[in-house]
Amino acid sequence: MLALDHIVVAAIDAEESSAKYGNKFTIKAVKGGEHEDWGTYNYLSYFSNDSYIEWLGVTDEFRTKNAENPLIQHLVYVLDNKIPGPFQFALRTNEMDDYIYHFKEQNIPFKGPFTAQREKPDGTVLKWRMLFPEYNHEKELLPFLIEWENPKDAYPDTSLLNVQTITKINYSGIDRDKFAHIYQLKPRKLNKSLLSLQNCKINFNNNEKLHFDLV
C-alpha cells in the first residue's frame, strides 16, 4: 500500500514561510538543500508518521521556468499566479516499476520516471525517482509517486522529528473511485469519501484548495 511521503508548499521565501508555520503550530523545520537542476531549494518539517512538509522555493528562475519536471512546472504556475501554499503531495512506493506497468496497461497517461537528487547540509546526497500521472496543473491535481533509493536516508534521526502527525489530506479534483483506480488503492464501501494510506487518510471533498490536518 502507498504511504503519504510529503506535502509540498509553494513558498516565495521557504525559510520565512517554514518559520511562520512553525511558530503558529509549534513545529521545527530544518534546511533540506538545493535542487541544482531545477533551480529550487527547500525547508522541511518531519513528523512521527514518516511524512513531512516541504516548503519549496526558487533560487534560479531561468532553470525553474525551463524545467521538464511537472512538479516544478506546477510550482512556477502557482508562484506566478501569486497563490502560494500547499499545492501538491507525494505518495511513497517501493514498487514504481509496477506502477509504470499499471499505467501502461490501463492507458493512464503519465510522465517519468524522473531521477532526482539533492545534497543535504551534511554533504550527503539523497537520490530518488518521481512518477507523475498526467494532469493539467492549471485546473486539477494528481499526486505524484516517489521512490527513494535509500529510504532510511530520506528521514532524520528522532531528534528532528516533530511529535505531530499529518492525519488527513483534504483533496478535491477527481472522485474517490477514479483516484483509487489510478493509484491501485482499495476503497472501503462504508465510507465513500475516504481512502486509507499506510500512515494517513485522504478525504475527498469539494474544496478547491488542498489542505491537511496536523494533529
Protein backbone atom coordinates (compact mmCIF):
# COMPACT_ATOMS: atom_id res chain seq x y z
CA MET A 1 0.00 0.00 0.00
CA LEU A 2 1.06 3.56 -0.63
CA ALA A 3 2.02 5.97 2.15
CA LEU A 4 1.97 9.73 2.35
CA ASP A 5 5.55 10.83 1.82
CA HIS A 6 5.24 14.61 1.92
CA ILE A 7 3.12 17.66 1.21
CA VAL A 8 4.64 20.38 -0.97
CA VAL A 9 4.10 24.04 -0.10
CA ALA A 10 4.93 26.72 -2.67
CA ALA A 11 6.92 29.46 -0.93
CA ILE A 12 8.21 32.85 -2.03
CA ASP A 13 10.74 32.53 0.81
CA ALA A 14 10.92 28.92 2.03
CA GLU A 15 12.86 29.73 5.20
CA GLU A 16 10.49 32.50 6.25
CA SER A 17 7.36 30.51 5.39
CA SER A 18 8.53 27.46 7.34
CA ALA A 19 9.43 29.64 10.34
CA LYS A 20 5.99 31.32 10.38
CA TYR A 21 4.27 27.97 10.15
CA GLY A 22 6.50 26.60 12.87
CA ASN A 23 5.68 29.46 15.21
CA LYS A 24 1.96 29.00 14.60
CA PHE A 25 1.85 25.23 15.10
CA THR A 26 4.90 24.72 17.37
CA ILE A 27 6.90 22.63 14.96
CA LYS A 28 10.51 22.85 13.90
CA ALA A 29 11.83 22.94 10.34
CA VAL A 30 15.32 22.34 9.00
CA LYS A 31 17.05 23.30 5.80
CA GLY A 32 16.80 20.48 3.31
CA GLY A 33 19.10 21.55 0.49
CA GLU A 34 19.15 22.65 -3.13
CA HIS A 35 18.00 21.01 -6.34
CA GLU A 36 20.54 22.50 -8.70
CA ASP A 37 18.97 21.19 -11.90
CA TRP A 38 15.61 22.73 -11.05
CA GLY A 39 16.82 25.99 -9.51
CA THR A 40 14.96 25.30 -6.25
CA TYR A 41 15.65 24.76 -2.55
CA ASN A 42 13.62 23.56 0.41
CA TYR A 43 12.96 23.58 4.14
CA LEU A 44 11.45 20.52 5.79
CA SER A 45 9.40 19.58 8.85
CA TYR A 46 9.38 15.89 9.69
CA PHE A 47 6.58 14.14 11.56
CA SER A 48 6.19 10.99 13.62
CA ASN A 49 4.27 9.05 10.95
CA ASP A 50 7.14 9.05 8.41
CA SER A 51 5.87 12.05 6.49
CA TYR A 52 6.93 15.66 6.17
CA ILE A 53 6.07 19.11 4.86
CA GLU A 54 8.34 20.58 2.19
CA TRP A 55 8.47 24.34 1.66
CA LEU A 56 9.76 24.71 -1.89
CA GLY A 57 11.30 27.96 -3.13
CA VAL A 58 13.17 29.23 -6.17
CA THR A 59 16.86 30.10 -6.44
CA ASP A 60 17.16 30.30 -10.24
CA GLU A 61 14.08 31.43 -12.17
CA PHE A 62 15.58 30.53 -15.54
CA ARG A 63 16.06 26.92 -14.50
CA THR A 64 12.65 26.59 -12.88
CA LYS A 65 10.86 28.04 -15.91
CA ASN A 66 12.70 25.61 -18.20
CA ALA A 67 12.38 22.51 -16.03
CA GLU A 68 10.73 19.44 -17.54
CA ASN A 69 9.69 18.06 -14.16
CA PRO A 70 5.88 18.50 -13.73
CA LEU A 71 6.27 19.40 -10.04
CA ILE A 72 8.48 22.36 -10.89
CA GLN A 73 6.16 23.43 -13.71
CA HIS A 74 3.30 23.36 -11.22
CA LEU A 75 5.37 25.38 -8.72
CA VAL A 76 6.09 28.05 -11.33
CA TYR A 77 2.39 28.33 -12.17
CA VAL A 78 1.41 28.70 -8.51
CA LEU A 79 4.03 31.33 -7.73
CA ASP A 80 3.44 33.27 -10.97
CA ASN A 81 -0.24 33.49 -10.07
CA LYS A 82 0.54 34.54 -6.51
CA ILE A 83 -1.22 31.62 -4.83
CA PRO A 84 1.48 30.22 -2.51
CA GLY A 85 0.59 27.46 -0.08
CA PRO A 86 0.06 23.69 -0.23
CA PHE A 87 -0.32 22.67 -3.87
CA GLN A 88 0.88 19.07 -4.29
CA PHE A 89 1.66 15.89 -2.35
CA ALA A 90 3.72 12.77 -2.91
CA LEU A 91 2.79 9.14 -2.30
CA ARG A 92 5.65 6.85 -1.34
CA THR A 93 6.14 3.48 -3.01
CA ASN A 94 8.85 0.87 -3.37
CA GLU A 95 7.18 -0.59 -6.48
CA MET A 96 7.46 2.21 -9.03
CA ASP A 97 8.18 -0.13 -11.92
CA ASP A 98 4.93 -1.95 -11.17
CA TYR A 99 3.08 1.38 -11.36
CA ILE A 100 4.67 2.13 -14.73
CA TYR A 101 3.36 -1.23 -15.96
CA HIS A 102 -0.08 -0.49 -14.45
CA PHE A 103 -0.29 2.92 -16.13
CA LYS A 104 0.64 1.45 -19.48
CA GLU A 105 -1.81 -1.46 -19.17
CA GLN A 106 -4.67 0.82 -18.13
CA ASN A 107 -3.86 3.58 -20.66
CA ILE A 108 -3.27 6.11 -17.89
CA PRO A 109 -1.10 8.92 -19.31
CA PHE A 110 2.00 9.61 -17.26
CA LYS A 111 5.35 11.37 -17.27
CA GLY A 112 8.57 9.96 -15.92
CA PRO A 113 10.12 8.42 -14.07
CA PHE A 114 12.32 11.44 -13.35
CA THR A 115 15.52 10.84 -11.42
CA ALA A 116 16.47 13.50 -8.91
CA GLN A 117 18.91 14.25 -6.14
CA ARG A 118 19.89 16.94 -3.68
CA GLU A 119 22.83 17.50 -1.39
CA LYS A 120 21.95 17.66 2.29
CA PRO A 121 23.62 20.24 4.57
CA ASP A 122 25.93 17.49 5.89
CA GLY A 123 27.22 16.83 2.37
CA THR A 124 25.45 13.52 1.79
CA VAL A 125 23.40 13.09 -1.37
CA LEU A 126 19.80 11.88 -1.48
CA LYS A 127 18.54 10.20 -4.65
CA TRP A 128 15.01 9.33 -5.70
CA ARG A 129 12.63 8.77 -8.62
CA MET A 130 9.33 10.54 -9.34
CA LEU A 131 6.40 9.36 -11.48
CA PHE A 132 3.52 11.63 -12.48
CA PRO A 133 0.09 10.63 -13.72
CA GLU A 134 -0.64 13.44 -16.19
CA TYR A 135 -2.85 16.31 -15.06
CA ASN A 136 -3.46 19.93 -16.04
CA HIS A 137 -1.87 21.89 -13.18
CA GLU A 138 -3.94 24.96 -14.06
CA LYS A 139 -7.18 23.12 -13.28
CA GLU A 140 -6.53 19.99 -11.25
CA LEU A 141 -4.15 17.96 -9.13
CA LEU A 142 -2.99 14.37 -9.11
CA PRO A 143 -0.29 13.48 -6.56
CA PHE A 144 2.97 12.03 -7.81
CA LEU A 145 4.69 8.82 -6.78
CA ILE A 146 8.11 8.91 -5.17
CA GLU A 147 10.59 6.09 -4.62
CA TRP A 148 13.73 6.71 -2.54
CA GLU A 149 16.97 4.98 -3.47
CA ASN A 150 17.78 4.56 0.25
CA PRO A 151 14.58 5.23 2.22
CA LYS A 152 16.35 5.36 5.59
CA ASP A 153 18.49 8.28 4.39
CA ALA A 154 15.41 10.32 3.48
CA TYR A 155 14.30 10.70 7.10
CA PRO A 156 16.24 12.18 10.02
CA ASP A 157 17.05 10.76 13.41
CA THR A 158 14.44 11.15 16.11
CA SER A 159 15.88 14.43 17.42
CA LEU A 160 14.48 16.24 14.36
CA LEU A 161 11.02 14.67 14.45
CA ASN A 162 8.00 16.71 15.45
CA VAL A 163 5.51 14.89 17.69
CA GLN A 164 2.57 15.87 15.49
CA THR A 165 1.17 13.70 12.71
CA ILE A 166 -0.44 14.52 9.38
CA THR A 167 -3.64 12.55 9.89
CA LYS A 168 -5.69 13.55 6.86
CA ILE A 169 -5.28 15.17 3.43
CA ASN A 170 -8.34 17.08 2.26
CA TYR A 171 -8.41 16.76 -1.50
CA SER A 172 -10.65 17.54 -4.46
CA GLY A 173 -10.31 17.22 -8.20
CA ILE A 174 -11.40 13.72 -9.11
CA ASP A 175 -13.75 11.25 -7.42
CA ARG A 176 -12.56 8.64 -4.98
CA ASP A 177 -13.08 5.61 -7.22
CA LYS A 178 -11.12 7.07 -10.12
CA PHE A 179 -8.33 8.03 -7.73
CA ALA A 180 -8.32 4.51 -6.30
CA HIS A 181 -8.05 3.04 -9.81
CA ILE A 182 -5.09 5.25 -10.78
CA TYR A 183 -3.13 4.50 -7.60
CA GLN A 184 -4.29 0.89 -7.06
CA LEU A 185 -5.90 1.57 -3.70
CA LYS A 186 -8.84 -0.37 -2.28
CA PRO A 187 -11.80 1.81 -1.31
CA ARG A 188 -13.99 0.81 1.59
CA LYS A 189 -17.71 0.56 0.90
CA LEU A 190 -18.78 2.05 4.22
CA ASN A 191 -17.19 5.45 3.68
CA LYS A 192 -17.40 6.86 0.17
CA SER A 193 -15.36 9.99 0.92
CA LEU A 194 -12.20 8.40 2.35
CA LEU A 195 -9.24 6.36 1.15
CA SER A 196 -6.67 4.91 3.52
CA LEU A 197 -2.91 5.13 3.08
CA GLN A 198 -0.39 3.37 5.30
CA ASN A 199 0.06 6.40 7.53
CA CYS A 200 -2.92 8.72 6.97
CA LYS A 201 -6.22 9.13 5.14
CA ILE A 202 -7.35 11.09 2.08
CA ASN A 203 -10.69 12.87 2.43
CA PHE A 204 -12.40 13.70 -0.88
CA ASN A 205 -14.36 16.95 -0.81
CA ASN A 206 -15.36 19.91 -2.98
CA ASN A 207 -12.91 22.42 -1.52
CA GLU A 208 -10.74 23.76 -4.34
CA LYS A 209 -7.67 24.24 -2.15
CA LEU A 210 -5.51 21.42 -0.93
CA HIS A 211 -5.22 21.37 2.85
CA PHE A 212 -4.40 18.88 5.58
CA ASP A 213 -4.97 18.08 9.24
CA LEU A 214 -1.96 18.20 11.55
CA VAL A 215 -2.60 16.76 15.00
